[in-house]
Amino acid sequence: MDRSQIIRIVAGIVVGGALGALMGYFGKCTSGTCPLTSTPWRGAIYGAVLGALFTSMR
């Protein structure tokens, strides 16, 4: 794994985590049935995982 690929994955994790946290903050779900937007922390975790997956696919 070269340096540019690592930077791409880390950037995907950061961007995905930030977008997930924003979705969790603004799109709170009161019933608890939507795990992505139930809390900002959970949204950040899901977003970071999805960001890592999307940037590592090639």
C-alpha atoms as a PDB file:
ATOM      1  CA  MET A   1       0.000   0.000   0.000  1.00  0.00           C
ATOM      2  CA  ASP A   2       1.559   3.271  -1.042  1.00  0.00           C
ATOM      3  CA  ARG A   3       1.294   6.638   0.637  1.00  0.00           C
ATOM      4  CA  SER A   4      -1.313   8.152  -1.691  1.00  0.00           C
ATOM      5  CA  GLN A   5      -3.689   5.245  -1.121  1.00  0.00           C
ATOM      6  CA  ILE A   6      -3.372   5.600   2.664  1.00  0.00           C
ATOM      7  CA  ILE A   7      -4.055   9.339   2.412  1.00  0.00           C
ATOM      8  CA  ARG A   8      -7.129   8.638   0.269  1.00  0.00           C
ATOM      9  CA  ILE A   9      -8.519   6.147   2.786  1.00  0.00           C
ATOM     10  CA  VAL A  10      -7.888   8.463   5.741  1.00  0.00           C
ATOM     11  CA  ALA A  11      -9.535  11.337   3.876  1.00  0.00           C
ATOM     12  CA  GLY A  12     -12.538   9.109   3.156  1.00  0.00           C
ATOM     13  CA  ILE A  13     -12.785   8.200   6.834  1.00  0.00           C
ATOM     14  CA  VAL A  14     -12.646  11.855   7.903  1.00  0.00           C
ATOM     15  CA  VAL A  15     -15.151  13.074   5.316  1.00  0.00           C
ATOM     16  CA  GLY A  16     -17.489  10.130   5.888  1.00  0.00           C
ATOM     17  CA  GLY A  17     -17.335  10.583   9.641  1.00  0.00           C
ATOM     18  CA  ALA A  18     -18.085  14.286   9.377  1.00  0.00           C
ATOM     19  CA  LEU A  19     -21.023  13.756   7.025  1.00  0.00           C
ATOM     20  CA  GLY A  20     -22.385  10.958   9.215  1.00  0.00           C
ATOM     21  CA  ALA A  21     -22.119  13.121  12.323  1.00  0.00           C
ATOM     22  CA  LEU A  22     -23.974  15.932  10.556  1.00  0.00           C
ATOM     23  CA  MET A  23     -26.693  13.531   9.491  1.00  0.00           C
ATOM     24  CA  GLY A  24     -26.958  12.238  13.048  1.00  0.00           C
ATOM     25  CA  TYR A  25     -27.125  15.754  14.452  1.00  0.00           C
ATOM     26  CA  PHE A  26     -29.712  17.205  12.093  1.00  0.00           C
ATOM     27  CA  GLY A  27     -31.723  14.076  11.295  1.00  0.00           C
ATOM     28  CA  LYS A  28     -32.413  12.683  14.745  1.00  0.00           C
ATOM     29  CA  CYS A  29     -34.765   9.747  14.766  1.00  0.00           C
ATOM     30  CA  THR A  30     -37.093   9.599  17.755  1.00  0.00           C
ATOM     31  CA  SER A  31     -38.182   5.983  17.339  1.00  0.00           C
ATOM     32  CA  GLY A  32     -34.648   4.551  17.298  1.00  0.00           C
ATOM     33  CA  THR A  33     -35.302   2.502  14.174  1.00  0.00           C
ATOM     34  CA  CYS A  34     -32.869   4.375  11.961  1.00  0.00           C
ATOM     35  CA  PRO A  35     -29.355   3.599  13.245  1.00  0.00           C
ATOM     36  CA  LEU A  36     -27.539   5.978  10.919  1.00  0.00           C
ATOM     37  CA  THR A  37     -29.240   9.109  12.196  1.00  0.00           C
ATOM     38  CA  SER A  38     -30.104   8.159  15.777  1.00  0.00           C
ATOM     39  CA  THR A  39     -27.118   9.963  17.363  1.00  0.00           C
ATOM     40  CA  PRO A  40     -24.223  12.015  15.996  1.00  0.00           C
ATOM     41  CA  TRP A  41     -21.683   9.508  17.342  1.00  0.00           C
ATOM     42  CA  ARG A  42     -23.332   6.543  15.675  1.00  0.00           C
ATOM     43  CA  GLY A  43     -23.712   8.509  12.451  1.00  0.00           C
ATOM     44  CA  ALA A  44     -20.012   9.375  12.555  1.00  0.00           C
ATOM     45  CA  ILE A  45     -19.051   5.722  13.019  1.00  0.00           C
ATOM     46  CA  TYR A  46     -21.252   4.534  10.159  1.00  0.00           C
ATOM     47  CA  GLY A  47     -20.061   7.384   7.960  1.00  0.00           C
ATOM     48  CA  ALA A  48     -16.408   6.639   8.681  1.00  0.00           C
ATOM     49  CA  VAL A  49     -16.857   2.961   7.851  1.00  0.00           C
ATOM     50  CA  LEU A  50     -18.690   3.757   4.631  1.00  0.00           C
ATOM     51  CA  GLY A  51     -16.082   6.375   3.717  1.00  0.00           C
ATOM     52  CA  ALA A  52     -13.298   3.844   4.217  1.00  0.00           C
ATOM     53  CA  LEU A  53     -15.129   1.263   2.118  1.00  0.00           C
ATOM     54  CA  PHE A  54     -15.851   3.667  -0.734  1.00  0.00           C
ATOM     55  CA  THR A  55     -12.286   4.989  -0.907  1.00  0.00           C
ATOM     56  CA  SER A  56     -10.638   1.579  -0.649  1.00  0.00           C
ATOM     57  CA  MET A  57     -12.677   0.123  -3.559  1.00  0.00           C
ATOM     58  CA  ARG A  58     -10.901   0.424  -6.860  1.00  0.00           C
END
